[in-house]
Amino acid sequence: REGRASIAYVFSSASWGRGYASQAVD
């Protein structure tokens, strides 16, 4: 309600530290 969103994300550890999560969530 009221224009609120709960977000979540999961990425494989091989992809950590490469900026992928940041880009995808953004």
mmCIF file of all heavy atoms, coordinates in Angstrom:
data_MODEL
# 
_entry.id   MODEL 
# 
loop_
_atom_site.group_PDB 
_atom_site.id 
_atom_site.type_symbol 
_atom_site.label_atom_id 
_atom_site.label_alt_id 
_atom_site.label_comp_id 
_atom_site.label_asym_id 
_atom_site.label_entity_id 
_atom_site.label_seq_id 
_atom_site.pdbx_PDB_ins_code 
_atom_site.Cartn_x 
_atom_site.Cartn_y 
_atom_site.Cartn_z 
_atom_site.occupancy 
_atom_site.B_iso_or_equiv 
_atom_site.pdbx_formal_charge 
_atom_site.auth_seq_id 
_atom_site.auth_comp_id 
_atom_site.auth_asym_id 
_atom_site.auth_atom_id 
_atom_site.pdbx_PDB_model_num 
ATOM 1   N N   . ARG A 1 1  ? 0.828  -1.213  0.000   1.00 0.00 ? 1  ARG A N   1 
ATOM 2   C CA  . ARG A 1 1  ? 0.000  0.000   0.000   1.00 0.00 ? 1  ARG A CA  1 
ATOM 3   C C   . ARG A 1 1  ? 0.863  1.264   0.000   1.00 0.00 ? 1  ARG A C   1 
ATOM 4   O O   . ARG A 1 1  ? 2.026  1.220   0.340   1.00 0.00 ? 1  ARG A O   1 
ATOM 5   C CB  . ARG A 1 1  ? -0.927 -0.016  1.209   1.00 0.00 ? 1  ARG A CB  1 
ATOM 6   C CG  . ARG A 1 1  ? -0.195 0.056   2.534   1.00 0.00 ? 1  ARG A CG  1 
ATOM 7   C CD  . ARG A 1 1  ? -1.126 -0.164  3.718   1.00 0.00 ? 1  ARG A CD  1 
ATOM 8   N NE  . ARG A 1 1  ? -0.578 0.267   4.969   1.00 0.00 ? 1  ARG A NE  1 
ATOM 9   C CZ  . ARG A 1 1  ? 0.508  -0.209  5.566   1.00 0.00 ? 1  ARG A CZ  1 
ATOM 10  N NH1 . ARG A 1 1  ? 1.216  -1.139  4.981   1.00 0.00 ? 1  ARG A NH1 1 
ATOM 11  N NH2 . ARG A 1 1  ? 0.909  0.242   6.736   1.00 0.00 ? 1  ARG A NH2 1 
ATOM 12  N N   . GLU A 1 2  ? 0.249  2.346   -0.381  1.00 0.00 ? 2  GLU A N   1 
ATOM 13  C CA  . GLU A 1 2  ? 0.849  3.681   -0.299  1.00 0.00 ? 2  GLU A CA  1 
ATOM 14  C C   . GLU A 1 2  ? 2.166  3.813   -1.062  1.00 0.00 ? 2  GLU A C   1 
ATOM 15  O O   . GLU A 1 2  ? 3.058  4.551   -0.655  1.00 0.00 ? 2  GLU A O   1 
ATOM 16  C CB  . GLU A 1 2  ? 1.044  4.074   1.168   1.00 0.00 ? 2  GLU A CB  1 
ATOM 17  C CG  . GLU A 1 2  ? -0.250 4.119   1.944   1.00 0.00 ? 2  GLU A CG  1 
ATOM 18  C CD  . GLU A 1 2  ? -0.046 4.326   3.435   1.00 0.00 ? 2  GLU A CD  1 
ATOM 19  O OE1 . GLU A 1 2  ? 1.096  4.598   3.869   1.00 0.00 ? 2  GLU A OE1 1 
ATOM 20  O OE2 . GLU A 1 2  ? -1.036 4.218   4.168   1.00 0.00 ? 2  GLU A OE2 1 
ATOM 21  N N   . GLY A 1 3  ? 2.320  3.082   -2.155  1.00 0.00 ? 3  GLY A N   1 
ATOM 22  C CA  . GLY A 1 3  ? 3.509  3.231   -2.977  1.00 0.00 ? 3  GLY A CA  1 
ATOM 23  C C   . GLY A 1 3  ? 4.785  2.740   -2.335  1.00 0.00 ? 3  GLY A C   1 
ATOM 24  O O   . GLY A 1 3  ? 5.865  3.237   -2.652  1.00 0.00 ? 3  GLY A O   1 
ATOM 25  N N   . ARG A 1 4  ? 4.685  1.762   -1.448  1.00 0.00 ? 4  ARG A N   1 
ATOM 26  C CA  . ARG A 1 4  ? 5.854  1.199   -0.774  1.00 0.00 ? 4  ARG A CA  1 
ATOM 27  C C   . ARG A 1 4  ? 6.217  -0.154  -1.362  1.00 0.00 ? 4  ARG A C   1 
ATOM 28  O O   . ARG A 1 4  ? 5.345  -0.953  -1.664  1.00 0.00 ? 4  ARG A O   1 
ATOM 29  C CB  . ARG A 1 4  ? 5.582  1.013   0.719   1.00 0.00 ? 4  ARG A CB  1 
ATOM 30  C CG  . ARG A 1 4  ? 5.350  2.303   1.453   1.00 0.00 ? 4  ARG A CG  1 
ATOM 31  C CD  . ARG A 1 4  ? 5.075  2.029   2.908   1.00 0.00 ? 4  ARG A CD  1 
ATOM 32  N NE  . ARG A 1 4  ? 5.009  3.262   3.661   1.00 0.00 ? 4  ARG A NE  1 
ATOM 33  C CZ  . ARG A 1 4  ? 5.148  3.325   4.967   1.00 0.00 ? 4  ARG A CZ  1 
ATOM 34  N NH1 . ARG A 1 4  ? 5.344  2.227   5.664   1.00 0.00 ? 4  ARG A NH1 1 
ATOM 35  N NH2 . ARG A 1 4  ? 5.086  4.484   5.583   1.00 0.00 ? 4  ARG A NH2 1 
ATOM 36  N N   . ALA A 1 5  ? 7.516  -0.385  -1.487  1.00 0.00 ? 5  ALA A N   1 
ATOM 37  C CA  . ALA A 1 5  ? 7.987  -1.683  -1.989  1.00 0.00 ? 5  ALA A CA  1 
ATOM 38  C C   . ALA A 1 5  ? 9.103  -2.196  -1.094  1.00 0.00 ? 5  ALA A C   1 
ATOM 39  O O   . ALA A 1 5  ? 10.024 -1.449  -0.734  1.00 0.00 ? 5  ALA A O   1 
ATOM 40  C CB  . ALA A 1 5  ? 8.502  -1.557  -3.419  1.00 0.00 ? 5  ALA A CB  1 
ATOM 41  N N   . SER A 1 6  ? 8.995  -3.455  -0.734  1.00 0.00 ? 6  SER A N   1 
ATOM 42  C CA  . SER A 1 6  ? 10.084 -4.154  -0.051  1.00 0.00 ? 6  SER A CA  1 
ATOM 43  C C   . SER A 1 6  ? 10.872 -4.878  -1.120  1.00 0.00 ? 6  SER A C   1 
ATOM 44  O O   . SER A 1 6  ? 10.293 -5.612  -1.932  1.00 0.00 ? 6  SER A O   1 
ATOM 45  C CB  . SER A 1 6  ? 9.536  -5.155  0.960   1.00 0.00 ? 6  SER A CB  1 
ATOM 46  O OG  . SER A 1 6  ? 8.875  -4.481  1.996   1.00 0.00 ? 6  SER A OG  1 
ATOM 47  N N   . ILE A 1 7  ? 12.174 -4.661  -1.125  1.00 0.00 ? 7  ILE A N   1 
ATOM 48  C CA  . ILE A 1 7  ? 13.006 -5.289  -2.145  1.00 0.00 ? 7  ILE A CA  1 
ATOM 49  C C   . ILE A 1 7  ? 13.913 -6.334  -1.518  1.00 0.00 ? 7  ILE A C   1 
ATOM 50  O O   . ILE A 1 7  ? 14.206 -6.290  -0.318  1.00 0.00 ? 7  ILE A O   1 
ATOM 51  C CB  . ILE A 1 7  ? 13.844 -4.257  -2.926  1.00 0.00 ? 7  ILE A CB  1 
ATOM 52  C CG1 . ILE A 1 7  ? 14.873 -3.588  -2.003  1.00 0.00 ? 7  ILE A CG1 1 
ATOM 53  C CG2 . ILE A 1 7  ? 12.938 -3.236  -3.598  1.00 0.00 ? 7  ILE A CG2 1 
ATOM 54  C CD1 . ILE A 1 7  ? 16.008 -2.925  -2.749  1.00 0.00 ? 7  ILE A CD1 1 
ATOM 55  N N   . ALA A 1 8  ? 14.349 -7.269  -2.355  1.00 0.00 ? 8  ALA A N   1 
ATOM 56  C CA  . ALA A 1 8  ? 15.310 -8.287  -1.936  1.00 0.00 ? 8  ALA A CA  1 
ATOM 57  C C   . ALA A 1 8  ? 16.106 -8.702  -3.165  1.00 0.00 ? 8  ALA A C   1 
ATOM 58  O O   . ALA A 1 8  ? 15.713 -8.422  -4.312  1.00 0.00 ? 8  ALA A O   1 
ATOM 59  C CB  . ALA A 1 8  ? 14.600 -9.482  -1.322  1.00 0.00 ? 8  ALA A CB  1 
ATOM 60  N N   . TYR A 1 9  ? 17.223 -9.381  -2.915  1.00 0.00 ? 9  TYR A N   1 
ATOM 61  C CA  . TYR A 1 9  ? 18.104 -9.791  -4.002  1.00 0.00 ? 9  TYR A CA  1 
ATOM 62  C C   . TYR A 1 9  ? 18.981 -10.914 -3.493  1.00 0.00 ? 9  TYR A C   1 
ATOM 63  O O   . TYR A 1 9  ? 19.295 -10.993 -2.304  1.00 0.00 ? 9  TYR A O   1 
ATOM 64  C CB  . TYR A 1 9  ? 18.980 -8.617  -4.460  1.00 0.00 ? 9  TYR A CB  1 
ATOM 65  C CG  . TYR A 1 9  ? 19.502 -7.814  -3.289  1.00 0.00 ? 9  TYR A CG  1 
ATOM 66  C CD1 . TYR A 1 9  ? 20.658 -8.202  -2.601  1.00 0.00 ? 9  TYR A CD1 1 
ATOM 67  C CD2 . TYR A 1 9  ? 18.802 -6.704  -2.826  1.00 0.00 ? 9  TYR A CD2 1 
ATOM 68  C CE1 . TYR A 1 9  ? 21.096 -7.501  -1.499  1.00 0.00 ? 9  TYR A CE1 1 
ATOM 69  C CE2 . TYR A 1 9  ? 19.235 -5.999  -1.725  1.00 0.00 ? 9  TYR A CE2 1 
ATOM 70  C CZ  . TYR A 1 9  ? 20.380 -6.408  -1.057  1.00 0.00 ? 9  TYR A CZ  1 
ATOM 71  O OH  . TYR A 1 9  ? 20.810 -5.718  0.041   1.00 0.00 ? 9  TYR A OH  1 
ATOM 72  N N   . VAL A 1 10 ? 19.360 -11.789 -4.412  1.00 0.00 ? 10 VAL A N   1 
ATOM 73  C CA  . VAL A 1 10 ? 20.305 -12.866 -4.120  1.00 0.00 ? 10 VAL A CA  1 
ATOM 74  C C   . VAL A 1 10 ? 21.156 -13.066 -5.370  1.00 0.00 ? 10 VAL A C   1 
ATOM 75  O O   . VAL A 1 10 ? 20.614 -13.163 -6.475  1.00 0.00 ? 10 VAL A O   1 
ATOM 76  C CB  . VAL A 1 10 ? 19.591 -14.187 -3.758  1.00 0.00 ? 10 VAL A CB  1 
ATOM 77  C CG1 . VAL A 1 10 ? 20.572 -15.340 -3.667  1.00 0.00 ? 10 VAL A CG1 1 
ATOM 78  C CG2 . VAL A 1 10 ? 18.817 -14.046 -2.447  1.00 0.00 ? 10 VAL A CG2 1 
ATOM 79  N N   . PHE A 1 11 ? 22.470 -13.119 -5.170  1.00 0.00 ? 11 PHE A N   1 
ATOM 80  C CA  . PHE A 1 11 ? 23.400 -13.344 -6.274  1.00 0.00 ? 11 PHE A CA  1 
ATOM 81  C C   . PHE A 1 11 ? 24.384 -14.433 -5.890  1.00 0.00 ? 11 PHE A C   1 
ATOM 82  O O   . PHE A 1 11 ? 24.772 -14.541 -4.721  1.00 0.00 ? 11 PHE A O   1 
ATOM 83  C CB  . PHE A 1 11 ? 24.149 -12.053 -6.635  1.00 0.00 ? 11 PHE A CB  1 
ATOM 84  C CG  . PHE A 1 11 ? 23.279 -11.068 -7.349  1.00 0.00 ? 11 PHE A CG  1 
ATOM 85  C CD1 . PHE A 1 11 ? 22.430 -10.233 -6.651  1.00 0.00 ? 11 PHE A CD1 1 
ATOM 86  C CD2 . PHE A 1 11 ? 23.280 -11.010 -8.728  1.00 0.00 ? 11 PHE A CD2 1 
ATOM 87  C CE1 . PHE A 1 11 ? 21.593 -9.353  -7.303  1.00 0.00 ? 11 PHE A CE1 1 
ATOM 88  C CE2 . PHE A 1 11 ? 22.445 -10.137 -9.402  1.00 0.00 ? 11 PHE A CE2 1 
ATOM 89  C CZ  . PHE A 1 11 ? 21.603 -9.305  -8.689  1.00 0.00 ? 11 PHE A CZ  1 
ATOM 90  N N   . SER A 1 12 ? 24.815 -15.210 -6.866  1.00 0.00 ? 12 SER A N   1 
ATOM 91  C CA  . SER A 1 12 ? 25.810 -16.247 -6.617  1.00 0.00 ? 12 SER A CA  1 
ATOM 92  C C   . SER A 1 12 ? 27.101 -15.598 -6.134  1.00 0.00 ? 12 SER A C   1 
ATOM 93  O O   . SER A 1 12 ? 27.436 -14.484 -6.531  1.00 0.00 ? 12 SER A O   1 
ATOM 94  C CB  . SER A 1 12 ? 26.078 -17.054 -7.895  1.00 0.00 ? 12 SER A CB  1 
ATOM 95  O OG  . SER A 1 12 ? 26.711 -16.239 -8.859  1.00 0.00 ? 12 SER A OG  1 
ATOM 96  N N   . SER A 1 13 ? 27.833 -16.305 -5.287  1.00 0.00 ? 13 SER A N   1 
ATOM 97  C CA  . SER A 1 13 ? 29.068 -15.730 -4.742  1.00 0.00 ? 13 SER A CA  1 
ATOM 98  C C   . SER A 1 13 ? 30.098 -15.455 -5.835  1.00 0.00 ? 13 SER A C   1 
ATOM 99  O O   . SER A 1 13 ? 30.915 -14.548 -5.695  1.00 0.00 ? 13 SER A O   1 
ATOM 100 C CB  . SER A 1 13 ? 29.648 -16.638 -3.658  1.00 0.00 ? 13 SER A CB  1 
ATOM 101 O OG  . SER A 1 13 ? 29.971 -17.911 -4.182  1.00 0.00 ? 13 SER A OG  1 
ATOM 102 N N   . ALA A 1 14 ? 30.047 -16.194 -6.939  1.00 0.00 ? 14 ALA A N   1 
ATOM 103 C CA  . ALA A 1 14 ? 30.985 -15.953 -8.044  1.00 0.00 ? 14 ALA A CA  1 
ATOM 104 C C   . ALA A 1 14 ? 30.778 -14.581 -8.673  1.00 0.00 ? 14 ALA A C   1 
ATOM 105 O O   . ALA A 1 14 ? 31.682 -14.043 -9.312  1.00 0.00 ? 14 ALA A O   1 
ATOM 106 C CB  . ALA A 1 14 ? 30.849 -17.045 -9.100  1.00 0.00 ? 14 ALA A CB  1 
ATOM 107 N N   . SER A 1 15 ? 29.604 -13.987 -8.478  1.00 0.00 ? 15 SER A N   1 
ATOM 108 C CA  . SER A 1 15 ? 29.317 -12.679 -9.085  1.00 0.00 ? 15 SER A CA  1 
ATOM 109 C C   . SER A 1 15 ? 29.489 -11.526 -8.099  1.00 0.00 ? 15 SER A C   1 
ATOM 110 O O   . SER A 1 15 ? 29.338 -10.365 -8.490  1.00 0.00 ? 15 SER A O   1 
ATOM 111 C CB  . SER A 1 15 ? 27.901 -12.671 -9.665  1.00 0.00 ? 15 SER A CB  1 
ATOM 112 O OG  . SER A 1 15 ? 26.946 -12.765 -8.629  1.00 0.00 ? 15 SER A OG  1 
ATOM 113 N N   . TRP A 1 16 ? 29.810 -11.805 -6.854  1.00 0.00 ? 16 TRP A N   1 
ATOM 114 C CA  . TRP A 1 16 ? 29.975 -10.751 -5.850  1.00 0.00 ? 16 TRP A CA  1 
ATOM 115 C C   . TRP A 1 16 ? 31.160 -9.851  -6.192  1.00 0.00 ? 16 TRP A C   1 
ATOM 116 O O   . TRP A 1 16 ? 32.155 -10.297 -6.762  1.00 0.00 ? 16 TRP A O   1 
ATOM 117 C CB  . TRP A 1 16 ? 30.195 -11.350 -4.468  1.00 0.00 ? 16 TRP A CB  1 
ATOM 118 C CG  . TRP A 1 16 ? 29.011 -12.093 -3.911  1.00 0.00 ? 16 TRP A CG  1 
ATOM 119 C CD1 . TRP A 1 16 ? 27.740 -12.141 -4.419  1.00 0.00 ? 16 TRP A CD1 1 
ATOM 120 C CD2 . TRP A 1 16 ? 29.006 -12.920 -2.746  1.00 0.00 ? 16 TRP A CD2 1 
ATOM 121 N NE1 . TRP A 1 16 ? 26.941 -12.940 -3.642  1.00 0.00 ? 16 TRP A NE1 1 
ATOM 122 C CE2 . TRP A 1 16 ? 27.695 -13.427 -2.605  1.00 0.00 ? 16 TRP A CE2 1 
ATOM 123 C CE3 . TRP A 1 16 ? 29.966 -13.272 -1.814  1.00 0.00 ? 16 TRP A CE3 1 
ATOM 124 C CZ2 . TRP A 1 16 ? 27.333 -14.274 -1.564  1.00 0.00 ? 16 TRP A CZ2 1 
ATOM 125 C CZ3 . TRP A 1 16 ? 29.602 -14.115 -0.777  1.00 0.00 ? 16 TRP A CZ3 1 
ATOM 126 C CH2 . TRP A 1 16 ? 28.305 -14.606 -0.651  1.00 0.00 ? 16 TRP A CH2 1 
ATOM 127 N N   . GLY A 1 17 ? 31.050 -8.583  -5.843  1.00 0.00 ? 17 GLY A N   1 
ATOM 128 C CA  . GLY A 1 17 ? 32.148 -7.641  -6.001  1.00 0.00 ? 17 GLY A CA  1 
ATOM 129 C C   . GLY A 1 17 ? 32.348 -7.136  -7.416  1.00 0.00 ? 17 GLY A C   1 
ATOM 130 O O   . GLY A 1 17 ? 33.352 -6.491  -7.705  1.00 0.00 ? 17 GLY A O   1 
ATOM 131 N N   . ARG A 1 18 ? 31.398 -7.380  -8.287  1.00 0.00 ? 18 ARG A N   1 
ATOM 132 C CA  . ARG A 1 18 ? 31.530 -6.959  -9.691  1.00 0.00 ? 18 ARG A CA  1 
ATOM 133 C C   . ARG A 1 18 ? 30.538 -5.862  -10.082 1.00 0.00 ? 18 ARG A C   1 
ATOM 134 O O   . ARG A 1 18 ? 30.470 -5.471  -11.237 1.00 0.00 ? 18 ARG A O   1 
ATOM 135 C CB  . ARG A 1 18 ? 31.348 -8.163  -10.604 1.00 0.00 ? 18 ARG A CB  1 
ATOM 136 C CG  . ARG A 1 18 ? 32.410 -9.227  -10.371 1.00 0.00 ? 18 ARG A CG  1 
ATOM 137 C CD  . ARG A 1 18 ? 32.077 -10.482 -11.143 1.00 0.00 ? 18 ARG A CD  1 
ATOM 138 N NE  . ARG A 1 18 ? 33.003 -11.531 -10.803 1.00 0.00 ? 18 ARG A NE  1 
ATOM 139 C CZ  . ARG A 1 18 ? 33.792 -12.135 -11.662 1.00 0.00 ? 18 ARG A CZ  1 
ATOM 140 N NH1 . ARG A 1 18 ? 33.778 -11.796 -12.935 1.00 0.00 ? 18 ARG A NH1 1 
ATOM 141 N NH2 . ARG A 1 18 ? 34.595 -13.085 -11.262 1.00 0.00 ? 18 ARG A NH2 1 
ATOM 142 N N   . GLY A 1 19 ? 29.727 -5.430  -9.122  1.00 0.00 ? 19 GLY A N   1 
ATOM 143 C CA  . GLY A 1 19 ? 28.756 -4.376  -9.391  1.00 0.00 ? 19 GLY A CA  1 
ATOM 144 C C   . GLY A 1 19 ? 27.439 -4.863  -9.977  1.00 0.00 ? 19 GLY A C   1 
ATOM 145 O O   . GLY A 1 19 ? 26.562 -4.055  -10.256 1.00 0.00 ? 19 GLY A O   1 
ATOM 146 N N   . TYR A 1 20 ? 27.296 -6.169  -10.164 1.00 0.00 ? 20 TYR A N   1 
ATOM 147 C CA  . TYR A 1 20 ? 26.072 -6.687  -10.785 1.00 0.00 ? 20 TYR A CA  1 
ATOM 148 C C   . TYR A 1 20 ? 24.839 -6.442  -9.914  1.00 0.00 ? 20 TYR A C   1 
ATOM 149 O O   . TYR A 1 20 ? 23.785 -6.029  -10.408 1.00 0.00 ? 20 TYR A O   1 
ATOM 150 C CB  . TYR A 1 20 ? 26.184 -8.178  -11.081 1.00 0.00 ? 20 TYR A CB  1 
ATOM 151 C CG  . TYR A 1 20 ? 27.280 -8.557  -12.045 1.00 0.00 ? 20 TYR A CG  1 
ATOM 152 C CD1 . TYR A 1 20 ? 28.002 -9.729  -11.874 1.00 0.00 ? 20 TYR A CD1 1 
ATOM 153 C CD2 . TYR A 1 20 ? 27.596 -7.761  -13.146 1.00 0.00 ? 20 TYR A CD2 1 
ATOM 154 C CE1 . TYR A 1 20 ? 29.004 -10.092 -12.756 1.00 0.00 ? 20 TYR A CE1 1 
ATOM 155 C CE2 . TYR A 1 20 ? 28.605 -8.114  -14.035 1.00 0.00 ? 20 TYR A CE2 1 
ATOM 156 C CZ  . TYR A 1 20 ? 29.306 -9.290  -13.823 1.00 0.00 ? 20 TYR A CZ  1 
ATOM 157 O OH  . TYR A 1 20 ? 30.297 -9.652  -14.695 1.00 0.00 ? 20 TYR A OH  1 
ATOM 158 N N   . ALA A 1 21 ? 24.949 -6.710  -8.618  1.00 0.00 ? 21 ALA A N   1 
ATOM 159 C CA  . ALA A 1 21 ? 23.798 -6.527  -7.723  1.00 0.00 ? 21 ALA A CA  1 
ATOM 160 C C   . ALA A 1 21 ? 23.375 -5.062  -7.709  1.00 0.00 ? 21 ALA A C   1 
ATOM 161 O O   . ALA A 1 21 ? 22.183 -4.751  -7.805  1.00 0.00 ? 21 ALA A O   1 
ATOM 162 C CB  . ALA A 1 21 ? 24.130 -7.018  -6.318  1.00 0.00 ? 21 ALA A CB  1 
ATOM 163 N N   . SER A 1 22 ? 24.336 -4.171  -7.622  1.00 0.00 ? 22 SER A N   1 
ATOM 164 C CA  . SER A 1 22 ? 24.049 -2.750  -7.604  1.00 0.00 ? 22 SER A CA  1 
ATOM 165 C C   . SER A 1 22 ? 23.310 -2.319  -8.879  1.00 0.00 ? 22 SER A C   1 
ATOM 166 O O   . SER A 1 22 ? 22.297 -1.615  -8.818  1.00 0.00 ? 22 SER A O   1 
ATOM 167 C CB  . SER A 1 22 ? 25.358 -1.975  -7.456  1.00 0.00 ? 22 SER A CB  1 
ATOM 168 O OG  . SER A 1 22 ? 25.130 -0.610  -7.457  1.00 0.00 ? 22 SER A OG  1 
ATOM 169 N N   . GLN A 1 23 ? 23.800 -2.753  -10.022 1.00 0.00 ? 23 GLN A N   1 
ATOM 170 C CA  . GLN A 1 23 ? 23.157 -2.403  -11.296 1.00 0.00 ? 23 GLN A CA  1 
ATOM 171 C C   . GLN A 1 23 ? 21.753 -2.983  -11.383 1.00 0.00 ? 23 GLN A C   1 
ATOM 172 O O   . GLN A 1 23 ? 20.812 -2.298  -11.807 1.00 0.00 ? 23 GLN A O   1 
ATOM 173 C CB  . GLN A 1 23 ? 23.983 -2.927  -12.468 1.00 0.00 ? 23 GLN A CB  1 
ATOM 174 C CG  . GLN A 1 23 ? 25.291 -2.229  -12.679 1.00 0.00 ? 23 GLN A CG  1 
ATOM 175 C CD  . GLN A 1 23 ? 26.082 -2.875  -13.813 1.00 0.00 ? 23 GLN A CD  1 
ATOM 176 O OE1 . GLN A 1 23 ? 25.522 -3.481  -14.713 1.00 0.00 ? 23 GLN A OE1 1 
ATOM 177 N NE2 . GLN A 1 23 ? 27.398 -2.742  -13.752 1.00 0.00 ? 23 GLN A NE2 1 
ATOM 178 N N   . ALA A 1 24 ? 21.607 -4.250  -11.003 1.00 0.00 ? 24 ALA A N   1 
ATOM 179 C CA  . ALA A 1 24 ? 20.310 -4.920  -11.122 1.00 0.00 ? 24 ALA A CA  1 
ATOM 180 C C   . ALA A 1 24 ? 19.270 -4.307  -10.189 1.00 0.00 ? 24 ALA A C   1 
ATOM 181 O O   . ALA A 1 24 ? 18.126 -4.058  -10.593 1.00 0.00 ? 24 ALA A O   1 
ATOM 182 C CB  . ALA A 1 24 ? 20.460 -6.415  -10.848 1.00 0.00 ? 24 ALA A CB  1 
ATOM 183 N N   . VAL A 1 25 ? 19.657 -4.049  -8.943  1.00 0.00 ? 25 VAL A N   1 
ATOM 184 C CA  . VAL A 1 25 ? 18.720 -3.444  -7.998  1.00 0.00 ? 25 VAL A CA  1 
ATOM 185 C C   . VAL A 1 25 ? 18.364 -2.033  -8.454  1.00 0.00 ? 25 VAL A C   1 
ATOM 186 O O   . VAL A 1 25 ? 17.197 -1.622  -8.409  1.00 0.00 ? 25 VAL A O   1 
ATOM 187 C CB  . VAL A 1 25 ? 19.295 -3.450  -6.564  1.00 0.00 ? 25 VAL A CB  1 
ATOM 188 C CG1 . VAL A 1 25 ? 18.415 -2.637  -5.618  1.00 0.00 ? 25 VAL A CG1 1 
ATOM 189 C CG2 . VAL A 1 25 ? 19.436 -4.891  -6.056  1.00 0.00 ? 25 VAL A CG2 1 
ATOM 190 N N   . ASP A 1 26 ? 19.331 -1.291  -8.926  1.00 0.00 ? 26 ASP A N   1 
ATOM 191 C CA  . ASP A 1 26 ? 19.089 0.085   -9.372  1.00 0.00 ? 26 ASP A CA  1 
ATOM 192 C C   . ASP A 1 26 ? 18.096 0.129   -10.532 1.00 0.00 ? 26 ASP A C   1 
ATOM 193 O O   . ASP A 1 26 ? 17.147 0.923   -10.510 1.00 0.00 ? 26 ASP A O   1 
ATOM 194 C CB  . ASP A 1 26 ? 20.414 0.735   -9.764  1.00 0.00 ? 26 ASP A CB  1 
ATOM 195 C CG  . ASP A 1 26 ? 20.314 2.240   -9.841  1.00 0.00 ? 26 ASP A CG  1 
ATOM 196 O OD1 . ASP A 1 26 ? 19.694 2.850   -8.944  1.00 0.00 ? 26 ASP A OD1 1 
ATOM 197 O OD2 . ASP A 1 26 ? 20.872 2.818   -10.793 1.00 0.00 ? 26 ASP A OD2 1 
# 
